[in-house]
Structures are given as structure tokens and as C-alpha cells.
């Protein structure tokens, strides 16, 4: 499988560093396998969405990993989706070695969050990814950020909750990263 389209069922507030990302509304999330580097990912993403009949309210993750190996965990307050390719680690103190893999993480919160809450959830997911991959030895004992091309997208119903860090229930569930087990 080279393509996975997730319909979230309704528009959610979203924040992420995915292609065509930033802050906005999202209903569809697309995971697309690519075999090589694409010169203009934004143009490629727009063409892909147009071909799918989704012209707005969509976010796209690109990966070299086979989409059929996507990992999914559903908790009480969040759903996590991830494609995990670790061939190009970002190790603090080392130069990137190159490679076509990436870690893509989608966090869908059932808890309604404010803009600040979404940003806090994004921070929590990124920190948990780095801590998990460091603890699992991705960089041979050095701190790891993940890989050099990782993307994270968080989505939630709009609301008033400003906090989603590890001390909150939604943040604690987001920090549970068995989804990133290195095999």
C-alpha cells in the first residue's frame, strides 16, 4: 500500500509541520509513500489532493516507509498514527548521513483544545518522540531528535483547554510512545 487517507469525520483545529501545514482546519489526513525526493513537495501535494478530490482541509505526510507498516494506537483521549523510518537519524552533535526515512506522527485529540493547547500538544508529541528514540538508542547513546525530516501533526476539536503537556491526561497519553518501538 502506498497511500492511506484518514477521514476524521469533521473539521478539527490542527497544527503541524507537514507539507501544506501550519495552523488551520483539517478533516482529511493523507499518508503517501514516495520512492524518492520530490523537488517541489507542495506542488506534488496539491496535485495529489486534487486527484483524490480533496482540495482543502487536508494535511499530507510523505514517507519512504511502506504505508502498510503504519502504526496505530487508540487511547481514551487520543489516537496516534505513525510511520516510522529510522535510516536517517538526527543525532545531536553529528552531521546527518542522508537517507530517505522519516518519522511521521499524527495525534488526534478527543479533548477540545485552544490554539495554545494545540501548540502544547505539538510540543508534547515532539518531546516524547525525541525522548523515546533517545531511550531506545537510535543514536548509540547520544541524544536523538528523531530523523532529519520528521513531521508531526496534532488535531483537536476547538475548545478552551490551554494545556496538553505530560502533566495532563491528554499529554500523558500522547507521551506513551510504544508506537515508536524500534525493531
N, C-alpha and C. Protein backbone atom coordinates (compact mmCIF):
# COMPACT_ATOMS: atom_id res chain seq x y z
N UNK A 1 0.85 -1.18 0.00
CA UNK A 1 0.00 0.00 0.00
C UNK A 1 0.89 1.24 0.00
N UNK A 2 0.58 2.20 -0.84
CA UNK A 2 1.38 3.42 -0.91
C UNK A 2 0.61 4.67 -0.50
N UNK A 3 -0.67 4.51 -0.14
CA UNK A 3 -1.49 5.67 0.19
C UNK A 3 -2.51 5.28 1.25
N UNK A 4 -2.68 6.15 2.24
CA UNK A 4 -3.70 5.97 3.28
C UNK A 4 -4.37 7.32 3.49
N UNK A 5 -5.69 7.35 3.37
CA UNK A 5 -6.46 8.57 3.59
C UNK A 5 -7.34 8.37 4.80
N UNK A 6 -7.18 9.22 5.79
CA UNK A 6 -7.96 9.16 7.03
C UNK A 6 -8.96 10.30 7.02
N UNK A 7 -10.25 9.96 7.12
CA UNK A 7 -11.31 10.96 7.25
C UNK A 7 -11.59 11.10 8.74
N UNK A 8 -11.32 12.26 9.30
CA UNK A 8 -11.51 12.49 10.73
C UNK A 8 -12.99 12.65 11.11
N UNK A 9 -13.87 12.70 10.12
CA UNK A 9 -15.30 12.76 10.38
C UNK A 9 -15.86 14.15 10.57
N UNK A 10 -14.99 15.11 10.82
CA UNK A 10 -15.40 16.51 11.00
C UNK A 10 -14.15 17.37 10.94
N UNK A 11 -14.37 18.66 10.79
CA UNK A 11 -13.24 19.58 10.79
C UNK A 11 -12.69 19.72 12.20
N UNK A 12 -11.38 19.64 12.32
CA UNK A 12 -10.69 19.83 13.60
C UNK A 12 -9.66 20.94 13.44
N UNK A 13 -9.36 21.62 14.53
CA UNK A 13 -8.24 22.55 14.53
C UNK A 13 -6.97 21.72 14.45
N UNK A 14 -5.98 22.22 13.70
CA UNK A 14 -4.76 21.43 13.51
C UNK A 14 -3.54 22.33 13.46
N UNK A 15 -2.43 21.76 13.88
CA UNK A 15 -1.14 22.45 13.87
C UNK A 15 -0.08 21.42 13.51
N UNK A 16 0.77 21.74 12.53
CA UNK A 16 1.81 20.78 12.19
C UNK A 16 2.81 21.32 11.20
N UNK A 17 3.91 20.59 11.07
CA UNK A 17 4.96 20.95 10.12
C UNK A 17 4.93 20.05 8.89
N UNK A 18 3.74 19.53 8.56
CA UNK A 18 3.56 18.72 7.37
C UNK A 18 3.57 19.62 6.13
N UNK A 19 3.72 19.02 4.96
CA UNK A 19 3.60 19.78 3.72
C UNK A 19 2.20 20.38 3.67
N UNK A 20 2.10 21.63 3.30
CA UNK A 20 0.85 22.40 3.31
C UNK A 20 0.33 22.57 4.73
N UNK A 21 1.21 22.48 5.71
CA UNK A 21 0.82 22.55 7.12
C UNK A 21 0.79 23.96 7.66
N UNK A 22 1.03 24.05 8.94
CA UNK A 22 0.91 25.29 9.68
C UNK A 22 -0.25 25.16 10.65
N UNK A 23 -1.02 26.22 10.80
CA UNK A 23 -2.19 26.19 11.67
C UNK A 23 -3.43 26.37 10.81
N UNK A 24 -4.45 25.54 11.05
CA UNK A 24 -5.69 25.66 10.28
C UNK A 24 -6.70 24.62 10.69
N UNK A 25 -7.56 24.27 9.75
CA UNK A 25 -8.59 23.25 9.96
C UNK A 25 -8.25 22.06 9.08
N UNK A 26 -8.53 20.89 9.59
CA UNK A 26 -8.26 19.68 8.82
C UNK A 26 -9.39 18.68 9.03
N UNK A 27 -9.78 18.01 7.97
CA UNK A 27 -10.74 16.91 8.04
C UNK A 27 -10.10 15.62 7.54
N UNK A 28 -9.20 15.75 6.58
CA UNK A 28 -8.56 14.58 5.98
C UNK A 28 -7.06 14.62 6.24
N UNK A 29 -6.50 13.46 6.53
CA UNK A 29 -5.06 13.33 6.68
C UNK A 29 -4.60 12.22 5.74
N UNK A 30 -3.63 12.54 4.91
CA UNK A 30 -3.13 11.61 3.90
C UNK A 30 -1.70 11.22 4.26
N UNK A 31 -1.42 9.92 4.23
CA UNK A 31 -0.06 9.40 4.33
C UNK A 31 0.28 8.84 2.96
N UNK A 32 1.34 9.34 2.34
CA UNK A 32 1.72 8.93 0.99
C UNK A 32 3.17 8.47 0.95
N UNK A 33 3.37 7.25 0.44
CA UNK A 33 4.72 6.74 0.26
C UNK A 33 5.31 7.31 -1.02
N UNK A 34 6.54 7.79 -0.92
CA UNK A 34 7.28 8.27 -2.09
C UNK A 34 8.59 7.50 -2.17
N UNK A 35 9.01 7.20 -3.38
CA UNK A 35 10.23 6.41 -3.58
C UNK A 35 11.48 7.26 -3.63
N UNK A 36 11.31 8.55 -3.82
CA UNK A 36 12.47 9.41 -4.00
C UNK A 36 12.13 10.81 -3.49
N UNK A 37 13.16 11.62 -3.42
CA UNK A 37 12.96 13.02 -3.06
C UNK A 37 12.16 13.72 -4.16
N UNK A 38 11.20 14.50 -3.78
CA UNK A 38 10.38 15.26 -4.72
C UNK A 38 10.87 16.71 -4.68
N UNK A 39 11.15 17.28 -5.82
CA UNK A 39 11.71 18.64 -5.88
C UNK A 39 10.77 19.68 -5.28
N UNK A 40 9.48 19.58 -5.57
CA UNK A 40 8.50 20.55 -5.07
C UNK A 40 7.37 19.79 -4.38
N UNK A 41 7.55 19.53 -3.08
CA UNK A 41 6.55 18.75 -2.34
C UNK A 41 5.20 19.46 -2.30
N UNK A 42 5.18 20.78 -2.24
CA UNK A 42 3.90 21.49 -2.19
C UNK A 42 3.10 21.30 -3.48
N UNK A 43 3.75 21.42 -4.62
CA UNK A 43 3.09 21.20 -5.90
C UNK A 43 2.61 19.76 -6.00
N UNK A 44 3.46 18.83 -5.60
CA UNK A 44 3.10 17.41 -5.62
C UNK A 44 1.90 17.15 -4.70
N UNK A 45 1.90 17.76 -3.52
CA UNK A 45 0.80 17.58 -2.56
C UNK A 45 -0.51 18.12 -3.12
N UNK A 46 -0.47 19.29 -3.71
CA UNK A 46 -1.70 19.88 -4.28
C UNK A 46 -2.26 19.01 -5.40
N UNK A 47 -1.39 18.49 -6.25
CA UNK A 47 -1.83 17.61 -7.34
C UNK A 47 -2.41 16.32 -6.79
N UNK A 48 -1.78 15.77 -5.76
CA UNK A 48 -2.28 14.54 -5.14
C UNK A 48 -3.67 14.77 -4.56
N UNK A 49 -3.84 15.85 -3.81
CA UNK A 49 -5.15 16.15 -3.21
C UNK A 49 -6.21 16.37 -4.28
N UNK A 50 -5.85 17.07 -5.33
CA UNK A 50 -6.80 17.30 -6.42
C UNK A 50 -7.23 15.97 -7.03
N UNK A 51 -6.28 15.07 -7.24
CA UNK A 51 -6.59 13.76 -7.78
C UNK A 51 -7.49 12.94 -6.87
N UNK A 52 -7.40 13.19 -5.56
CA UNK A 52 -8.25 12.49 -4.59
C UNK A 52 -9.59 13.19 -4.40
N UNK A 53 -9.76 14.36 -5.00
CA UNK A 53 -11.00 15.11 -4.83
C UNK A 53 -11.07 15.84 -3.50
N UNK A 54 -9.92 16.04 -2.87
CA UNK A 54 -9.85 16.75 -1.59
C UNK A 54 -9.03 18.02 -1.85
N UNK A 55 -9.70 19.14 -1.96
CA UNK A 55 -8.96 20.35 -2.34
C UNK A 55 -8.67 21.27 -1.16
N UNK A 56 -9.24 21.00 -0.02
CA UNK A 56 -8.91 21.81 1.16
C UNK A 56 -9.15 20.98 2.42
N UNK A 57 -8.77 21.53 3.55
CA UNK A 57 -8.94 20.89 4.85
C UNK A 57 -8.23 19.53 4.91
N UNK A 58 -7.04 19.49 4.33
CA UNK A 58 -6.27 18.24 4.31
C UNK A 58 -4.82 18.50 4.67
N UNK A 59 -4.21 17.51 5.29
CA UNK A 59 -2.79 17.53 5.62
C UNK A 59 -2.16 16.28 5.02
N UNK A 60 -0.90 16.40 4.61
CA UNK A 60 -0.23 15.28 3.95
C UNK A 60 1.12 14.99 4.61
N UNK A 61 1.32 13.71 4.91
CA UNK A 61 2.62 13.21 5.34
C UNK A 61 3.23 12.45 4.17
N UNK A 62 4.51 12.66 3.91
CA UNK A 62 5.24 11.88 2.92
C UNK A 62 6.26 11.02 3.64
N UNK A 63 6.48 9.80 3.13
CA UNK A 63 7.42 8.87 3.76
C UNK A 63 7.98 7.91 2.72
N UNK A 64 9.15 7.38 2.98
CA UNK A 64 9.71 6.31 2.15
C UNK A 64 9.28 4.94 2.68
N UNK A 65 8.67 4.93 3.85
CA UNK A 65 8.25 3.69 4.50
C UNK A 65 6.96 3.17 3.85
N UNK A 66 6.86 1.85 3.72
CA UNK A 66 5.63 1.23 3.21
C UNK A 66 4.48 1.59 4.14
N UNK A 67 3.44 2.18 3.60
CA UNK A 67 2.31 2.64 4.39
C UNK A 67 1.61 1.48 5.12
N UNK A 68 1.71 0.28 4.59
CA UNK A 68 1.07 -0.86 5.26
C UNK A 68 1.70 -1.15 6.62
N UNK A 69 2.88 -0.59 6.88
CA UNK A 69 3.51 -0.78 8.20
C UNK A 69 3.15 0.35 9.17
N UNK A 70 2.18 1.18 8.79
CA UNK A 70 1.74 2.27 9.67
C UNK A 70 1.31 1.70 11.01
N UNK A 71 1.64 2.42 12.06
CA UNK A 71 1.27 2.01 13.41
C UNK A 71 0.12 2.89 13.89
N UNK A 72 -0.79 2.28 14.66
CA UNK A 72 -1.98 2.99 15.14
C UNK A 72 -2.29 2.52 16.55
N UNK A 73 -2.52 3.48 17.42
CA UNK A 73 -2.91 3.19 18.80
C UNK A 73 -4.06 4.12 19.16
N UNK A 74 -5.11 3.56 19.72
CA UNK A 74 -6.23 4.39 20.17
C UNK A 74 -6.33 4.33 21.68
N UNK A 75 -6.25 5.49 22.30
CA UNK A 75 -6.39 5.61 23.74
C UNK A 75 -7.74 6.19 24.09
N UNK A 76 -7.93 6.49 25.34
CA UNK A 76 -9.19 7.08 25.79
C UNK A 76 -9.33 8.52 25.30
N UNK A 77 -8.21 9.26 25.24
CA UNK A 77 -8.26 10.68 24.88
C UNK A 77 -7.56 11.04 23.57
N UNK A 78 -6.72 10.16 23.06
CA UNK A 78 -6.03 10.45 21.80
C UNK A 78 -5.95 9.21 20.93
N UNK A 79 -5.83 9.46 19.63
CA UNK A 79 -5.48 8.42 18.67
C UNK A 79 -4.15 8.82 18.06
N UNK A 80 -3.24 7.86 17.96
CA UNK A 80 -1.91 8.11 17.40
C UNK A 80 -1.74 7.26 16.14
N UNK A 81 -1.21 7.89 15.11
CA UNK A 81 -0.84 7.20 13.88
C UNK A 81 0.62 7.55 13.62
N UNK A 82 1.39 6.57 13.14
CA UNK A 82 2.80 6.86 12.86
C UNK A 82 3.33 5.97 11.75
N UNK A 83 4.15 6.57 10.90
CA UNK A 83 5.01 5.80 10.02
C UNK A 83 6.42 6.03 10.54
N UNK A 84 7.17 4.96 10.65
CA UNK A 84 8.47 5.05 11.32
C UNK A 84 9.57 4.49 10.43
N UNK A 85 10.41 5.38 9.95
CA UNK A 85 11.61 5.02 9.21
C UNK A 85 12.79 5.68 9.90
N UNK A 86 13.77 4.90 10.26
CA UNK A 86 14.85 5.42 11.12
C UNK A 86 16.22 5.41 10.48
N UNK A 87 16.29 5.35 9.15
CA UNK A 87 17.58 5.22 8.48
C UNK A 87 18.38 6.52 8.44
N UNK A 88 17.78 7.63 8.80
CA UNK A 88 18.46 8.92 8.70
C UNK A 88 18.32 9.67 10.02
N UNK A 89 18.94 9.16 11.10
CA UNK A 89 18.73 9.77 12.42
C UNK A 89 19.33 11.17 12.54
N UNK A 90 18.66 11.98 13.35
CA UNK A 90 19.17 13.31 13.70
C UNK A 90 19.76 13.20 15.10
N UNK A 91 21.06 12.98 15.17
CA UNK A 91 21.76 12.80 16.44
C UNK A 91 22.43 14.11 16.81
N UNK A 92 22.19 14.58 18.01
CA UNK A 92 22.79 15.84 18.44
C UNK A 92 24.30 15.67 18.48
N UNK A 93 25.00 16.58 17.78
CA UNK A 93 26.46 16.54 17.72
C UNK A 93 27.01 15.84 16.49
N UNK A 94 26.15 15.21 15.69
CA UNK A 94 26.59 14.53 14.47
C UNK A 94 25.99 15.22 13.24
N UNK A 95 26.67 15.06 12.13
CA UNK A 95 26.11 15.55 10.86
C UNK A 95 25.17 14.49 10.31
N UNK A 96 24.06 14.92 9.67
CA UNK A 96 23.16 13.94 9.04
C UNK A 96 23.90 13.12 7.99
N UNK A 97 23.56 11.84 7.91
CA UNK A 97 24.22 10.94 6.97
C UNK A 97 23.47 10.80 5.67
N UNK A 98 22.29 11.32 5.57
CA UNK A 98 21.47 11.17 4.37
C UNK A 98 20.61 9.93 4.48
N UNK A 99 19.67 9.82 3.60
CA UNK A 99 18.75 8.70 3.63
C UNK A 99 17.34 9.19 3.38
N UNK A 100 16.45 8.26 3.19
CA UNK A 100 15.10 8.62 2.76
C UNK A 100 14.03 8.29 3.78
N UNK A 101 14.39 8.09 5.01
CA UNK A 101 13.38 7.72 6.00
C UNK A 101 12.99 8.91 6.87
N UNK A 102 11.84 8.77 7.48
CA UNK A 102 11.30 9.83 8.33
C UNK A 102 10.37 9.22 9.36
N UNK A 103 10.13 9.94 10.43
CA UNK A 103 9.12 9.57 11.42
C UNK A 103 7.99 10.58 11.28
N UNK A 104 6.80 10.09 10.96
CA UNK A 104 5.61 10.93 10.84
C UNK A 104 4.65 10.55 11.94
N UNK A 105 4.17 11.55 12.68
CA UNK A 105 3.27 11.28 13.79
C UNK A 105 2.03 12.16 13.68
N UNK A 106 0.88 11.53 13.74
CA UNK A 106 -0.40 12.22 13.81
C UNK A 106 -1.01 11.95 15.18
N UNK A 107 -1.36 13.01 15.90
CA UNK A 107 -2.05 12.89 17.19
C UNK A 107 -3.42 13.54 17.03
N UNK A 108 -4.47 12.75 17.20
CA UNK A 108 -5.83 13.27 17.14
C UNK A 108 -6.39 13.23 18.55
N UNK A 109 -6.61 14.41 19.10
CA UNK A 109 -7.11 14.53 20.48
C UNK A 109 -8.63 14.53 20.50
N UNK A 110 -9.19 13.82 21.45
CA UNK A 110 -10.64 13.89 21.67
C UNK A 110 -10.98 15.04 22.61
N UNK A 111 -9.96 15.57 23.28
CA UNK A 111 -10.11 16.71 24.17
C UNK A 111 -10.07 18.00 23.35
N UNK A 112 -11.05 18.86 23.55
CA UNK A 112 -11.09 20.15 22.85
C UNK A 112 -9.97 21.05 23.38
N UNK A 113 -9.23 21.67 22.46
CA UNK A 113 -8.07 22.48 22.83
C UNK A 113 -8.13 23.86 22.18
N UNK A 114 -7.58 24.83 22.89
CA UNK A 114 -7.39 26.17 22.33
C UNK A 114 -6.18 26.15 21.40
N UNK A 115 -5.90 27.27 20.76
CA UNK A 115 -4.68 27.36 19.93
C UNK A 115 -3.45 27.08 20.77
N UNK A 116 -3.40 27.64 21.95
CA UNK A 116 -2.26 27.41 22.85
C UNK A 116 -2.20 25.94 23.28
N UNK A 117 -3.36 25.34 23.50
CA UNK A 117 -3.40 23.92 23.84
C UNK A 117 -2.88 23.04 22.71
N UNK A 118 -3.22 23.39 21.45
CA UNK A 118 -2.69 22.65 20.30
C UNK A 118 -1.18 22.75 20.23
N UNK A 119 -0.67 23.95 20.47
CA UNK A 119 0.78 24.14 20.45
C UNK A 119 1.45 23.33 21.56
N UNK A 120 0.81 23.26 22.72
CA UNK A 120 1.35 22.47 23.82
C UNK A 120 1.33 20.98 23.48
N UNK A 121 0.26 20.52 22.80
CA UNK A 121 0.18 19.12 22.39
C UNK A 121 1.26 18.80 21.36
N UNK A 122 1.50 19.72 20.44
CA UNK A 122 2.57 19.54 19.45
C UNK A 122 3.92 19.39 20.16
N UNK A 123 4.17 20.28 21.10
CA UNK A 123 5.42 20.22 21.88
C UNK A 123 5.55 18.88 22.59
N UNK A 124 4.47 18.44 23.20
CA UNK A 124 4.48 17.18 23.93
C UNK A 124 4.80 16.01 23.01
N UNK A 125 4.17 15.98 21.84
CA UNK A 125 4.42 14.88 20.89
C UNK A 125 5.86 14.89 20.40
N UNK A 126 6.39 16.07 20.07
CA UNK A 126 7.77 16.16 19.59
C UNK A 126 8.77 15.77 20.68
N UNK A 127 8.53 16.22 21.91
CA UNK A 127 9.42 15.86 23.01
C UNK A 127 9.36 14.36 23.29
N UNK A 128 8.16 13.80 23.28
CA UNK A 128 8.02 12.36 23.55
C UNK A 128 8.72 11.54 22.47
N UNK A 129 8.61 11.97 21.22
CA UNK A 129 9.30 11.27 20.12
C UNK A 129 10.81 11.28 20.36
N UNK A 130 11.36 12.45 20.63
CA UNK A 130 12.81 12.55 20.85
C UNK A 130 13.25 11.74 22.06
N UNK A 131 12.51 11.83 23.15
CA UNK A 131 12.88 11.09 24.37
C UNK A 131 12.80 9.58 24.14
N UNK A 132 11.76 9.14 23.44
CA UNK A 132 11.59 7.71 23.18
C UNK A 132 12.72 7.18 22.30
N UNK A 133 13.04 7.89 21.22
CA UNK A 133 14.09 7.42 20.32
C UNK A 133 15.46 7.50 20.96
N UNK A 134 15.69 8.49 21.83
CA UNK A 134 16.95 8.56 22.58
C UNK A 134 17.04 7.37 23.52
N UNK A 135 15.96 7.10 24.27
CA UNK A 135 15.96 5.99 25.23
C UNK A 135 16.15 4.64 24.54
N UNK A 136 15.68 4.52 23.32
CA UNK A 136 15.80 3.26 22.59
C UNK A 136 17.14 3.14 21.85
N UNK A 137 18.00 4.16 22.00
CA UNK A 137 19.36 4.05 21.46
C UNK A 137 19.51 4.33 19.99
N UNK A 138 18.62 5.11 19.40
CA UNK A 138 18.70 5.38 17.97
C UNK A 138 20.07 5.94 17.57
N UNK A 139 20.65 6.77 18.43
CA UNK A 139 21.95 7.41 18.11
C UNK A 139 23.09 6.84 18.94
N UNK A 140 22.95 5.60 19.38
CA UNK A 140 24.04 4.95 20.11
C UNK A 140 24.43 5.63 21.40
N UNK A 141 23.46 6.13 22.14
CA UNK A 141 23.73 6.76 23.42
C UNK A 141 23.70 8.28 23.39
N UNK A 142 23.80 8.87 22.21
CA UNK A 142 23.69 10.32 22.09
C UNK A 142 22.21 10.71 22.03
N UNK A 143 21.90 11.95 22.39
CA UNK A 143 20.51 12.40 22.27
C UNK A 143 20.06 12.39 20.81
N UNK A 144 18.81 12.01 20.59
CA UNK A 144 18.23 11.96 19.24
C UNK A 144 17.00 12.85 19.16
N UNK A 145 16.89 13.57 18.08
CA UNK A 145 15.68 14.34 17.82
C UNK A 145 14.67 13.53 17.03
N UNK A 146 15.09 12.45 16.43
CA UNK A 146 14.28 11.64 15.53
C UNK A 146 15.08 11.44 14.27
N UNK A 147 14.51 11.79 13.11
CA UNK A 147 15.26 11.81 11.86
C UNK A 147 15.27 13.25 11.34
N UNK A 148 16.02 13.49 10.29
CA UNK A 148 16.19 14.87 9.82
C UNK A 148 14.97 15.43 9.08
N UNK A 149 13.99 14.59 8.80
CA UNK A 149 12.83 15.07 8.03
C UNK A 149 11.50 14.73 8.68
N UNK A 150 11.46 14.60 9.98
CA UNK A 150 10.23 14.21 10.68
C UNK A 150 9.13 15.26 10.55
N UNK A 151 7.90 14.78 10.66
CA UNK A 151 6.74 15.68 10.66
C UNK A 151 5.78 15.24 11.76
N UNK A 152 5.16 16.22 12.39
CA UNK A 152 4.17 15.98 13.44
C UNK A 152 2.96 16.84 13.13
N UNK A 153 1.78 16.26 13.26
CA UNK A 153 0.53 16.99 13.13
C UNK A 153 -0.34 16.64 14.33
N UNK A 154 -0.87 17.66 14.99
CA UNK A 154 -1.82 17.45 16.07
C UNK A 154 -3.14 18.07 15.66
N UNK A 155 -4.24 17.42 16.03
CA UNK A 155 -5.57 17.90 15.68
C UNK A 155 -6.50 17.68 16.86
N UNK A 156 -7.42 18.61 17.04
CA UNK A 156 -8.36 18.53 18.16
C UNK A 156 -9.59 19.38 17.86
N UNK A 157 -10.71 19.05 18.49
CA UNK A 157 -11.86 19.95 18.39
C UNK A 157 -11.48 21.29 19.01
N UNK A 158 -11.98 22.40 18.47
CA UNK A 158 -11.67 23.69 19.09
C UNK A 158 -12.30 23.79 20.47
N UNK A 159 -11.55 24.37 21.40
CA UNK A 159 -12.05 24.48 22.77
C UNK A 159 -11.25 25.46 23.58
N UNK A 160 -11.37 25.34 24.89
CA UNK A 160 -10.76 26.30 25.81
C UNK A 160 -9.57 25.76 26.59
N UNK A 161 -9.28 24.47 26.49
CA UNK A 161 -8.18 23.90 27.27
C UNK A 161 -6.84 24.39 26.71
N UNK A 162 -6.05 25.05 27.56
CA UNK A 162 -4.78 25.64 27.13
C UNK A 162 -3.58 24.73 27.33
N UNK A 163 -3.75 23.63 28.04
CA UNK A 163 -2.60 22.80 28.40
C UNK A 163 -2.79 21.37 27.92
N UNK A 164 -1.72 20.81 27.35
CA UNK A 164 -1.72 19.42 26.89
C UNK A 164 -0.34 18.81 27.06
N UNK A 165 0.37 19.25 28.09
CA UNK A 165 1.69 18.71 28.39
C UNK A 165 1.60 17.38 29.09
N UNK A 166 2.74 16.81 29.41
CA UNK A 166 2.81 15.47 30.01
C UNK A 166 2.09 15.39 31.36
N UNK A 167 1.86 16.52 32.02
CA UNK A 167 1.16 16.51 33.31
C UNK A 167 -0.36 16.45 33.15
N UNK A 168 -0.85 16.58 31.92
CA UNK A 168 -2.29 16.47 31.66
C UNK A 168 -2.61 15.06 31.19
N UNK A 169 -3.88 14.68 31.26
CA UNK A 169 -4.26 13.34 30.80
C UNK A 169 -4.02 13.17 29.30
N UNK A 170 -4.41 14.17 28.51
CA UNK A 170 -4.22 14.06 27.07
C UNK A 170 -2.72 14.04 26.73
N UNK A 171 -1.93 14.81 27.42
CA UNK A 171 -0.49 14.82 27.20
C UNK A 171 0.17 13.52 27.62
N UNK A 172 -0.28 12.96 28.73
CA UNK A 172 0.27 11.68 29.19
C UNK A 172 0.00 10.58 28.18
N UNK A 173 -1.20 10.56 27.60
CA UNK A 173 -1.50 9.55 26.58
C UNK A 173 -0.65 9.78 25.33
N UNK A 174 -0.44 11.03 24.97
CA UNK A 174 0.38 11.36 23.80
C UNK A 174 1.83 10.95 24.02
N UNK A 175 2.28 11.00 25.26
CA UNK A 175 3.67 10.66 25.60
C UNK A 175 3.93 9.16 25.63
N UNK A 176 2.91 8.35 25.53
CA UNK A 176 3.05 6.90 25.58
C UNK A 176 3.43 6.40 24.19
N UNK A 177 4.73 6.29 23.94
CA UNK A 177 5.18 6.05 22.58
C UNK A 177 5.68 4.64 22.31
N UNK A 178 4.97 3.61 22.77
CA UNK A 178 5.28 2.26 22.30
C UNK A 178 5.08 2.18 20.79
N UNK A 179 4.33 3.14 20.26
CA UNK A 179 4.10 3.18 18.81
C UNK A 179 5.41 3.34 18.04
N UNK A 180 6.45 3.84 18.71
CA UNK A 180 7.74 4.06 18.06
C UNK A 180 8.76 2.97 18.36
N UNK A 181 8.32 1.81 18.80
CA UNK A 181 9.27 0.73 19.08
C UNK A 181 10.20 0.51 17.91
N UNK A 182 11.48 0.43 18.21
CA UNK A 182 12.48 0.12 17.18
C UNK A 182 12.63 -1.39 17.13
N UNK A 183 12.47 -1.94 15.96
CA UNK A 183 12.54 -3.40 15.82
C UNK A 183 13.87 -3.82 15.27
